[in-house]
């Protein structure tokens, strides 16, 4: 019987160690998640933080010929603003959805070379067309009147973004 008690004690000690290890790992994971939250939120697929209200400030120094997408969430509605440098050197901005395909979860654009492609209908637009055309299946322009440029940053006001919340449906970019 003495040997049986020793085996039971060893198994109990191993089990306690496993439980302690599991708890320690859980604590470490929670600490890592806390660090991400404290540092400004979870990052989106293109390494942009999701803005949760407030004015959107876009540093001009990070804009080039590759479209940069800025996720924004206002009261549970996911939105996205894109910024890109056109061939003439100007920075163009637009909402990353379109008037024609707007009800679709795939009513957003992705870059392919020098073009933006609608993921719903497949229409293609060059970077130079961003902010220049309104209507149809193209990114909805955010014109000079709708933003402020202080030389270093382009700022789009929270009020303007809220006014355009209806451009994005609840199922936008979900498929």
N, C-alpha and C. Protein backbone atom coordinates (compact mmCIF):
# COMPACT_ATOMS: atom_id res chain seq x y z
N UNK A 1 0.81 -1.19 0.00
CA UNK A 1 0.00 0.00 0.00
C UNK A 1 0.85 1.25 0.00
N UNK A 2 2.01 1.20 0.64
CA UNK A 2 2.88 2.36 0.72
C UNK A 2 3.33 2.81 -0.65
N UNK A 3 3.63 1.83 -1.54
CA UNK A 3 4.06 2.15 -2.89
C UNK A 3 2.92 2.80 -3.68
N UNK A 4 1.71 2.35 -3.46
CA UNK A 4 0.55 2.89 -4.15
C UNK A 4 0.32 4.34 -3.75
N UNK A 5 0.49 4.67 -2.47
CA UNK A 5 0.33 6.05 -2.00
C UNK A 5 1.41 6.95 -2.61
N UNK A 6 2.62 6.42 -2.77
CA UNK A 6 3.70 7.20 -3.38
C UNK A 6 3.37 7.51 -4.84
N UNK A 7 2.87 6.51 -5.57
CA UNK A 7 2.49 6.72 -6.98
C UNK A 7 1.36 7.73 -7.10
N UNK A 8 0.39 7.63 -6.20
CA UNK A 8 -0.74 8.56 -6.21
C UNK A 8 -0.25 9.97 -5.92
N UNK A 9 0.68 10.10 -4.95
CA UNK A 9 1.24 11.41 -4.62
C UNK A 9 2.01 11.99 -5.80
N UNK A 10 2.80 11.15 -6.50
CA UNK A 10 3.56 11.62 -7.66
C UNK A 10 2.61 12.10 -8.76
N UNK A 11 1.55 11.30 -9.01
CA UNK A 11 0.57 11.70 -10.03
C UNK A 11 -0.10 13.00 -9.64
N UNK A 12 -0.40 13.16 -8.38
CA UNK A 12 -1.04 14.38 -7.89
C UNK A 12 -0.11 15.57 -8.07
N UNK A 13 1.18 15.37 -7.79
CA UNK A 13 2.14 16.46 -7.95
C UNK A 13 2.29 16.84 -9.42
N UNK A 14 2.34 15.85 -10.32
CA UNK A 14 2.44 16.11 -11.75
C UNK A 14 1.20 16.87 -12.22
N UNK A 15 0.05 16.44 -11.76
CA UNK A 15 -1.21 17.10 -12.13
C UNK A 15 -1.22 18.55 -11.65
N UNK A 16 -0.73 18.81 -10.43
CA UNK A 16 -0.67 20.17 -9.89
C UNK A 16 0.28 21.03 -10.72
N UNK A 17 1.41 20.44 -11.14
CA UNK A 17 2.36 21.18 -11.97
C UNK A 17 1.74 21.55 -13.32
N UNK A 18 1.01 20.60 -13.91
CA UNK A 18 0.35 20.87 -15.19
C UNK A 18 -0.68 22.00 -15.03
N UNK A 19 -1.44 21.96 -13.95
CA UNK A 19 -2.43 23.01 -13.71
C UNK A 19 -1.75 24.36 -13.51
N UNK A 20 -0.65 24.37 -12.75
CA UNK A 20 0.09 25.61 -12.52
C UNK A 20 0.65 26.14 -13.84
N UNK A 21 1.17 25.25 -14.68
CA UNK A 21 1.69 25.65 -15.99
C UNK A 21 0.57 26.24 -16.86
N UNK A 22 -0.58 25.58 -16.87
CA UNK A 22 -1.71 26.07 -17.67
C UNK A 22 -2.15 27.45 -17.19
N UNK A 23 -2.22 27.63 -15.90
CA UNK A 23 -2.62 28.94 -15.35
C UNK A 23 -1.58 29.99 -15.70
N UNK A 24 -0.31 29.65 -15.59
CA UNK A 24 0.76 30.60 -15.93
C UNK A 24 0.69 31.01 -17.39
N UNK A 25 0.48 30.05 -18.27
CA UNK A 25 0.35 30.36 -19.70
C UNK A 25 -0.86 31.26 -19.95
N UNK A 26 -1.95 30.99 -19.27
CA UNK A 26 -3.14 31.82 -19.41
C UNK A 26 -2.89 33.25 -18.99
N UNK A 27 -2.18 33.42 -17.89
CA UNK A 27 -1.83 34.76 -17.40
C UNK A 27 -0.94 35.47 -18.41
N UNK A 28 0.02 34.76 -18.98
CA UNK A 28 0.91 35.37 -19.97
C UNK A 28 0.12 35.83 -21.19
N UNK A 29 -0.80 34.99 -21.67
CA UNK A 29 -1.63 35.37 -22.82
C UNK A 29 -2.45 36.61 -22.49
N UNK A 30 -3.05 36.65 -21.31
CA UNK A 30 -3.83 37.83 -20.91
C UNK A 30 -2.96 39.08 -20.84
N UNK A 31 -1.74 38.96 -20.36
CA UNK A 31 -0.84 40.11 -20.31
C UNK A 31 -0.50 40.60 -21.72
N UNK A 32 -0.27 39.68 -22.64
CA UNK A 32 0.03 40.07 -24.03
C UNK A 32 -1.16 40.81 -24.63
N UNK A 33 -2.37 40.30 -24.43
CA UNK A 33 -3.57 40.97 -24.94
C UNK A 33 -3.70 42.36 -24.32
N UNK A 34 -3.44 42.47 -23.03
CA UNK A 34 -3.53 43.78 -22.35
C UNK A 34 -2.55 44.77 -22.94
N UNK A 35 -1.34 44.32 -23.27
CA UNK A 35 -0.34 45.20 -23.87
C UNK A 35 -0.84 45.73 -25.21
N UNK A 36 -1.44 44.85 -26.04
CA UNK A 36 -1.97 45.30 -27.34
C UNK A 36 -3.08 46.33 -27.15
N UNK A 37 -3.93 46.12 -26.17
CA UNK A 37 -5.03 47.06 -25.94
C UNK A 37 -4.47 48.41 -25.47
N UNK A 38 -3.54 48.39 -24.54
CA UNK A 38 -2.96 49.63 -24.02
C UNK A 38 -2.21 50.38 -25.11
N UNK A 39 -1.57 49.68 -26.03
CA UNK A 39 -0.77 50.32 -27.08
C UNK A 39 -1.63 50.88 -28.21
N UNK A 40 -2.94 50.78 -28.14
CA UNK A 40 -3.76 51.46 -29.13
C UNK A 40 -4.70 50.60 -29.92
N UNK A 41 -4.92 49.39 -29.54
CA UNK A 41 -5.93 48.62 -30.22
C UNK A 41 -5.36 47.53 -31.09
N UNK A 42 -6.25 46.74 -31.59
CA UNK A 42 -5.89 45.65 -32.47
C UNK A 42 -5.65 46.20 -33.86
N UNK A 43 -4.66 45.70 -34.52
CA UNK A 43 -4.29 46.20 -35.85
C UNK A 43 -5.12 45.51 -36.92
N UNK A 44 -5.38 46.21 -38.02
CA UNK A 44 -6.09 45.62 -39.14
C UNK A 44 -5.08 44.91 -40.03
N UNK A 45 -5.57 44.31 -41.10
CA UNK A 45 -4.73 43.53 -42.00
C UNK A 45 -3.61 44.32 -42.63
N UNK A 46 -3.72 45.62 -42.77
CA UNK A 46 -2.64 46.37 -43.39
C UNK A 46 -1.91 47.25 -42.38
N UNK A 47 -1.91 46.80 -41.12
CA UNK A 47 -1.17 47.43 -40.04
C UNK A 47 -1.65 48.85 -39.71
N UNK A 48 -2.91 49.14 -39.91
CA UNK A 48 -3.49 50.40 -39.49
C UNK A 48 -4.39 50.15 -38.30
N UNK A 49 -4.31 51.00 -37.29
CA UNK A 49 -5.20 50.87 -36.15
C UNK A 49 -6.61 51.27 -36.57
N UNK A 50 -7.59 50.61 -35.98
CA UNK A 50 -8.97 50.96 -36.25
C UNK A 50 -9.33 52.17 -35.39
N UNK A 51 -9.63 53.28 -36.06
CA UNK A 51 -10.03 54.49 -35.35
C UNK A 51 -11.45 54.27 -34.81
N UNK A 52 -11.65 54.61 -33.55
CA UNK A 52 -12.95 54.43 -32.91
C UNK A 52 -13.55 55.79 -32.59
N UNK A 53 -13.75 56.60 -33.59
CA UNK A 53 -14.29 57.94 -33.39
C UNK A 53 -13.17 58.96 -33.36
N UNK A 54 -13.56 60.23 -33.38
CA UNK A 54 -12.59 61.31 -33.42
C UNK A 54 -12.19 61.63 -34.84
N UNK A 55 -11.49 62.74 -35.01
CA UNK A 55 -11.00 63.12 -36.33
C UNK A 55 -9.97 62.10 -36.80
N UNK A 56 -9.93 61.85 -38.10
CA UNK A 56 -8.94 60.95 -38.67
C UNK A 56 -7.81 61.79 -39.23
N UNK A 57 -6.60 61.59 -38.70
CA UNK A 57 -5.43 62.32 -39.15
C UNK A 57 -4.52 61.37 -39.92
N UNK A 58 -4.24 61.72 -41.18
CA UNK A 58 -3.42 60.89 -42.05
C UNK A 58 -2.09 61.60 -42.29
N UNK A 59 -0.99 61.05 -41.77
CA UNK A 59 0.32 61.67 -42.03
C UNK A 59 0.67 61.58 -43.52
N UNK A 60 0.92 62.71 -44.14
CA UNK A 60 1.22 62.73 -45.57
C UNK A 60 2.49 61.97 -45.89
N UNK A 61 3.41 61.89 -44.94
CA UNK A 61 4.68 61.20 -45.17
C UNK A 61 4.51 59.71 -45.42
N UNK A 62 3.40 59.12 -45.00
CA UNK A 62 3.22 57.68 -45.20
C UNK A 62 2.41 57.35 -46.46
N UNK A 63 2.04 58.35 -47.23
CA UNK A 63 1.24 58.12 -48.44
C UNK A 63 2.14 58.08 -49.67
N UNK A 64 1.96 57.04 -50.47
CA UNK A 64 2.69 56.92 -51.74
C UNK A 64 1.75 56.32 -52.79
N UNK A 65 2.29 55.76 -53.85
CA UNK A 65 1.46 55.23 -54.93
C UNK A 65 0.74 53.94 -54.55
N UNK A 66 1.06 53.39 -53.41
CA UNK A 66 0.33 52.23 -52.90
C UNK A 66 -0.79 52.72 -51.98
N UNK A 67 -2.01 52.40 -52.33
CA UNK A 67 -3.16 52.86 -51.55
C UNK A 67 -3.01 52.41 -50.10
N UNK A 68 -3.30 53.32 -49.21
CA UNK A 68 -3.27 53.04 -47.78
C UNK A 68 -4.71 53.11 -47.29
N UNK A 69 -5.14 52.11 -46.55
CA UNK A 69 -6.52 52.02 -46.10
C UNK A 69 -6.59 52.28 -44.60
N UNK A 70 -7.51 53.15 -44.20
CA UNK A 70 -7.65 53.56 -42.80
C UNK A 70 -9.01 53.10 -42.28
N UNK A 71 -9.03 51.99 -41.51
CA UNK A 71 -10.28 51.50 -40.94
C UNK A 71 -10.81 52.49 -39.90
N UNK A 72 -12.11 52.61 -39.84
CA UNK A 72 -12.76 53.54 -38.91
C UNK A 72 -14.06 52.89 -38.46
N UNK A 73 -14.35 52.96 -37.18
CA UNK A 73 -15.59 52.40 -36.66
C UNK A 73 -16.32 53.50 -35.91
N UNK A 74 -17.56 53.74 -36.33
CA UNK A 74 -18.37 54.74 -35.66
C UNK A 74 -19.66 54.07 -35.18
N UNK A 75 -19.79 53.96 -33.88
CA UNK A 75 -20.97 53.37 -33.25
C UNK A 75 -21.34 52.02 -33.85
N UNK A 76 -20.33 51.16 -34.03
CA UNK A 76 -20.56 49.81 -34.52
C UNK A 76 -20.56 49.65 -36.03
N UNK A 77 -20.47 50.73 -36.77
CA UNK A 77 -20.42 50.64 -38.23
C UNK A 77 -18.96 50.71 -38.68
N UNK A 78 -18.52 49.66 -39.37
CA UNK A 78 -17.16 49.64 -39.91
C UNK A 78 -17.13 50.42 -41.21
N UNK A 79 -16.13 51.26 -41.33
CA UNK A 79 -15.94 52.10 -42.51
C UNK A 79 -14.46 52.03 -42.87
N UNK A 80 -14.12 52.58 -44.03
CA UNK A 80 -12.71 52.65 -44.40
C UNK A 80 -12.49 53.83 -45.33
N UNK A 81 -11.39 54.52 -45.11
CA UNK A 81 -11.00 55.64 -45.96
C UNK A 81 -9.68 55.27 -46.60
N UNK A 82 -9.55 55.57 -47.88
CA UNK A 82 -8.29 55.27 -48.55
C UNK A 82 -7.60 56.56 -48.95
N UNK A 83 -6.28 56.50 -48.97
CA UNK A 83 -5.46 57.63 -49.40
C UNK A 83 -4.36 57.08 -50.31
N UNK A 84 -4.07 57.84 -51.37
CA UNK A 84 -3.05 57.40 -52.33
C UNK A 84 -2.45 58.62 -53.00
N UNK A 85 -1.19 58.52 -53.40
CA UNK A 85 -0.55 59.60 -54.14
C UNK A 85 -0.74 59.34 -55.63
N UNK A 86 -1.35 60.30 -56.32
CA UNK A 86 -1.58 60.19 -57.76
C UNK A 86 -0.29 60.51 -58.52
N UNK A 87 -0.30 60.27 -59.82
CA UNK A 87 0.91 60.48 -60.63
C UNK A 87 1.34 61.95 -60.67
N UNK A 88 0.41 62.88 -60.39
CA UNK A 88 0.77 64.30 -60.37
C UNK A 88 1.32 64.75 -59.01
N UNK A 89 1.45 63.80 -58.06
CA UNK A 89 2.02 64.10 -56.74
C UNK A 89 0.99 64.50 -55.70
N UNK A 90 -0.27 64.68 -56.09
CA UNK A 90 -1.29 65.06 -55.11
C UNK A 90 -1.76 63.83 -54.35
N UNK A 91 -2.19 64.06 -53.12
CA UNK A 91 -2.72 62.97 -52.30
C UNK A 91 -4.23 62.99 -52.45
N UNK A 92 -4.77 61.85 -52.85
CA UNK A 92 -6.21 61.71 -53.09
C UNK A 92 -6.81 60.86 -51.98
N UNK A 93 -8.02 61.22 -51.57
CA UNK A 93 -8.72 60.48 -50.52
C UNK A 93 -10.13 60.14 -50.97
N UNK A 94 -10.65 59.02 -50.42
CA UNK A 94 -12.00 58.59 -50.75
C UNK A 94 -12.48 57.59 -49.70
N UNK A 95 -13.80 57.44 -49.62
CA UNK A 95 -14.37 56.36 -48.82
C UNK A 95 -14.20 55.08 -49.63
N UNK A 96 -13.80 54.01 -49.00
CA UNK A 96 -13.55 52.75 -49.71
C UNK A 96 -14.84 51.95 -49.88
N UNK A 97 -15.76 52.54 -50.60
CA UNK A 97 -17.00 51.88 -51.01
C UNK A 97 -17.51 52.64 -52.21
N UNK A 98 -18.58 52.16 -52.83
CA UNK A 98 -19.10 52.86 -54.01
C UNK A 98 -20.61 52.98 -53.95
N UNK A 99 -21.14 53.91 -54.72
CA UNK A 99 -22.58 54.16 -54.70
C UNK A 99 -23.38 53.05 -55.35
N UNK A 100 -22.84 52.43 -56.37
CA UNK A 100 -23.58 51.40 -57.10
C UNK A 100 -23.61 50.09 -56.32
N UNK A 101 -22.48 49.64 -55.83
CA UNK A 101 -22.38 48.33 -55.17
C UNK A 101 -22.59 48.41 -53.66
N UNK A 102 -22.91 49.57 -53.15
CA UNK A 102 -22.92 49.88 -51.72
C UNK A 102 -23.64 48.85 -50.84
N UNK A 103 -24.69 48.20 -51.29
CA UNK A 103 -25.41 47.25 -50.43
C UNK A 103 -24.72 45.91 -50.28
N UNK A 104 -23.71 45.66 -51.07
CA UNK A 104 -23.02 44.37 -51.04
C UNK A 104 -21.94 44.34 -49.98
N UNK A 105 -21.75 43.16 -49.36
CA UNK A 105 -20.63 43.03 -48.42
C UNK A 105 -19.27 43.17 -49.12
N UNK A 106 -19.25 43.03 -50.44
CA UNK A 106 -17.99 43.11 -51.21
C UNK A 106 -17.86 44.46 -51.92
N UNK A 107 -18.56 45.47 -51.45
CA UNK A 107 -18.51 46.80 -52.07
C UNK A 107 -17.31 47.59 -51.55
N UNK A 108 -16.13 47.08 -51.82
CA UNK A 108 -14.89 47.76 -51.43
C UNK A 108 -13.83 47.48 -52.48
N UNK A 109 -12.77 48.28 -52.44
CA UNK A 109 -11.72 48.22 -53.45
C UNK A 109 -10.43 47.69 -52.87
N UNK A 110 -9.69 46.95 -53.69
CA UNK A 110 -8.33 46.55 -53.36
C UNK A 110 -7.43 46.98 -54.51
N UNK A 111 -6.17 47.20 -54.21
CA UNK A 111 -5.23 47.65 -55.22
C UNK A 111 -4.65 46.47 -55.98
N UNK A 112 -4.54 46.64 -57.29
CA UNK A 112 -3.86 45.69 -58.16
C UNK A 112 -3.03 46.51 -59.13
N UNK A 113 -1.73 46.60 -58.88
CA UNK A 113 -0.87 47.45 -59.71
C UNK A 113 -1.22 48.90 -59.51
N UNK A 114 -1.53 49.63 -60.60
CA UNK A 114 -1.90 51.04 -60.52
C UNK A 114 -3.42 51.23 -60.52
N UNK A 115 -4.15 50.17 -60.23
CA UNK A 115 -5.61 50.25 -60.26
C UNK A 115 -6.23 49.80 -58.95
N UNK A 116 -7.43 50.31 -58.71
CA UNK A 116 -8.28 49.83 -57.62
C UNK A 116 -9.38 49.01 -58.27
N UNK A 117 -9.63 47.82 -57.73
CA UNK A 117 -10.61 46.90 -58.30
C UNK A 117 -11.75 46.73 -57.29
N UNK A 118 -13.00 46.95 -57.76
CA UNK A 118 -14.17 46.73 -56.93
C UNK A 118 -14.31 45.22 -56.72
N UNK A 119 -14.42 44.80 -55.48
CA UNK A 119 -14.51 43.38 -55.17
C UNK A 119 -15.91 42.82 -55.40
N UNK A 120 -16.87 43.69 -55.74
CA UNK A 120 -18.21 43.23 -56.03
C UNK A 120 -18.44 43.05 -57.53
N UNK A 121 -18.13 44.08 -58.32
CA UNK A 121 -18.44 44.01 -59.76
C UNK A 121 -17.21 43.89 -60.64
N UNK A 122 -16.02 44.12 -60.07
CA UNK A 122 -14.80 43.97 -60.85
C UNK A 122 -14.37 45.21 -61.62
N UNK A 123 -15.13 46.32 -61.53
CA UNK A 123 -14.71 47.54 -62.21
C UNK A 123 -13.36 47.99 -61.69
N UNK A 124 -12.58 48.59 -62.58
CA UNK A 124 -11.22 48.99 -62.27
C UNK A 124 -11.05 50.49 -62.47
N UNK A 125 -10.31 51.13 -61.56
CA UNK A 125 -10.05 52.57 -61.61
C UNK A 125 -8.60 52.84 -61.32
N UNK A 126 -7.98 53.73 -62.07
CA UNK A 126 -6.58 54.07 -61.79
C UNK A 126 -6.52 54.96 -60.56
N UNK A 127 -5.35 55.03 -59.96
CA UNK A 127 -5.14 55.87 -58.78
C UNK A 127 -5.42 57.33 -59.10
N UNK A 128 -5.15 57.73 -60.34
CA UNK A 128 -5.39 59.12 -60.75
C UNK A 128 -6.87 59.49 -60.76
N UNK A 129 -7.76 58.50 -60.80
CA UNK A 129 -9.19 58.76 -60.82
C UNK A 129 -9.76 58.96 -59.41
N UNK A 130 -9.02 58.53 -58.38
CA UNK A 130 -9.49 58.66 -57.00
C UNK A 130 -9.71 60.14 -56.70
N UNK A 131 -10.84 60.46 -56.10
CA UNK A 131 -11.25 61.79 -55.69
C UNK A 131 -11.67 62.67 -56.87
N UNK A 132 -11.55 62.20 -58.09
CA UNK A 132 -11.86 63.02 -59.26
C UNK A 132 -13.26 62.76 -59.80
N UNK A 133 -13.80 61.57 -59.56
CA UNK A 133 -15.11 61.22 -60.11
C UNK A 133 -16.06 60.85 -59.00
N UNK A 134 -17.31 61.25 -59.16
CA UNK A 134 -18.36 60.91 -58.20
C UNK A 134 -19.49 60.25 -58.96
N UNK A 135 -20.09 59.26 -58.36
CA UNK A 135 -21.16 58.53 -59.01
C UNK A 135 -20.59 57.31 -59.70
N UNK A 136 -21.41 56.31 -59.87
CA UNK A 136 -20.93 55.09 -60.50
C UNK A 136 -20.19 54.23 -59.50
N UNK A 137 -19.60 53.18 -60.02
CA UNK A 137 -18.87 52.24 -59.17
C UNK A 137 -17.41 52.67 -59.08
N UNK A 138 -17.16 53.60 -58.19
CA UNK A 138 -15.79 54.04 -57.91
C UNK A 138 -15.73 54.50 -56.46
N UNK A 139 -14.54 54.59 -55.88
CA UNK A 139 -14.45 55.06 -54.49
C UNK A 139 -15.08 56.45 -54.35
N UNK A 140 -15.87 56.65 -53.32
CA UNK A 140 -16.60 57.92 -53.13
C UNK A 140 -15.62 58.99 -52.64
N UNK A 141 -15.45 60.06 -53.43
CA UNK A 141 -14.43 61.08 -53.15
C UNK A 141 -14.61 61.81 -51.82
N UNK A 142 -13.49 62.11 -51.20
CA UNK A 142 -13.43 63.05 -50.08
C UNK A 142 -12.61 64.22 -50.63
N UNK A 143 -13.29 65.27 -51.01
CA UNK A 143 -12.66 66.38 -51.73
C UNK A 143 -11.95 67.36 -50.80
N UNK A 144 -11.25 68.32 -51.39
CA UNK A 144 -10.53 69.33 -50.62
C UNK A 144 -11.43 70.07 -49.65
N UNK A 145 -12.70 70.27 -50.02
CA UNK A 145 -13.66 70.96 -49.14
C UNK A 145 -14.02 70.13 -47.92
N UNK A 146 -13.78 68.81 -47.98
CA UNK A 146 -14.20 67.90 -46.92
C UNK A 146 -13.07 67.51 -45.97
N UNK A 147 -11.89 68.08 -46.18
CA UNK A 147 -10.74 67.73 -45.35
C UNK A 147 -9.85 68.95 -45.16
N UNK A 148 -8.93 68.83 -44.22
CA UNK A 148 -8.00 69.92 -43.96
C UNK A 148 -6.57 69.41 -44.16
N UNK A 149 -5.75 70.19 -44.84
CA UNK A 149 -4.36 69.83 -45.10
C UNK A 149 -3.48 70.89 -44.45
N UNK A 150 -2.73 70.50 -43.42
CA UNK A 150 -1.86 71.48 -42.73
C UNK A 150 -0.41 71.40 -43.22
N UNK A 151 -0.19 70.67 -44.31
CA UNK A 151 1.16 70.50 -44.84
C UNK A 151 1.80 69.19 -44.43
N UNK A 152 1.54 68.75 -43.19
CA UNK A 152 2.11 67.49 -42.70
C UNK A 152 1.07 66.38 -42.62
N UNK A 153 -0.19 66.78 -42.38
CA UNK A 153 -1.27 65.80 -42.19
C UNK A 153 -2.51 66.22 -42.95
N UNK A 154 -3.27 65.22 -43.33
CA UNK A 154 -4.61 65.46 -43.87
C UNK A 154 -5.57 65.02 -42.77
N UNK A 155 -6.47 65.91 -42.39
CA UNK A 155 -7.42 65.60 -41.32
C UNK A 155 -8.83 65.60 -41.87
N UNK A 156 -9.54 64.52 -41.57
CA UNK A 156 -10.95 64.40 -41.96
C UNK A 156 -11.73 64.39 -40.65
N UNK A 157 -12.67 65.32 -40.53
CA UNK A 157 -13.36 65.49 -39.25
C UNK A 157 -14.31 64.33 -38.96
N UNK A 158 -14.45 64.07 -37.68
CA UNK A 158 -15.38 63.05 -37.22
C UNK A 158 -16.79 63.38 -37.70
N UNK A 159 -17.18 64.65 -37.66
CA UNK A 159 -18.53 65.03 -38.10
C UNK A 159 -18.77 64.65 -39.56
N UNK A 160 -17.78 64.90 -40.42
CA UNK A 160 -17.92 64.56 -41.84
C UNK A 160 -18.01 63.04 -42.01
N UNK A 161 -17.21 62.31 -41.25
CA UNK A 161 -17.26 60.84 -41.34
C UNK A 161 -18.63 60.33 -40.89
N UNK A 162 -19.14 60.88 -39.79
CA UNK A 162 -20.46 60.47 -39.30
C UNK A 162 -21.54 60.78 -40.34
N UNK A 163 -21.46 61.94 -40.99
CA UNK A 163 -22.43 62.31 -42.03
C UNK A 163 -22.48 61.27 -43.15
N UNK A 164 -21.38 60.57 -43.37
CA UNK A 164 -21.28 59.61 -44.47
C UNK A 164 -21.33 58.15 -44.01
N UNK A 165 -21.70 57.94 -42.77
CA UNK A 165 -21.80 56.60 -42.20
C UNK A 165 -22.75 55.72 -43.03
N UNK A 166 -23.79 56.33 -43.58
CA UNK A 166 -24.79 55.56 -44.34
C UNK A 166 -24.23 54.96 -45.63
N UNK A 167 -23.02 55.34 -46.03
CA UNK A 167 -22.40 54.76 -47.23
C UNK A 167 -21.97 53.31 -46.98
N UNK A 168 -21.88 52.93 -45.72
CA UNK A 168 -21.41 51.60 -45.35
C UNK A 168 -22.54 50.84 -44.66
N UNK A 169 -22.83 49.65 -45.15
CA UNK A 169 -23.89 48.84 -44.58
C UNK A 169 -23.34 47.96 -43.46
N UNK A 170 -24.23 47.39 -42.69
CA UNK A 170 -23.83 46.55 -41.58
C UNK A 170 -23.02 45.33 -42.04
N UNK A 171 -23.25 44.87 -43.26
CA UNK A 171 -22.55 43.68 -43.73
C UNK A 171 -21.36 44.02 -44.64
N UNK A 172 -20.93 45.29 -44.67
CA UNK A 172 -19.83 45.71 -45.53
C UNK A 172 -18.55 44.97 -45.15
N UNK A 173 -17.87 44.46 -46.14
CA UNK A 173 -16.57 43.78 -46.02
C UNK A 173 -16.64 42.57 -45.08
N UNK A 174 -17.76 41.87 -45.11
CA UNK A 174 -17.90 40.69 -44.24
C UNK A 174 -17.69 39.38 -45.00
N UNK A 175 -17.57 39.42 -46.31
CA UNK A 175 -17.37 38.18 -47.08
C UNK A 175 -16.18 38.33 -47.98
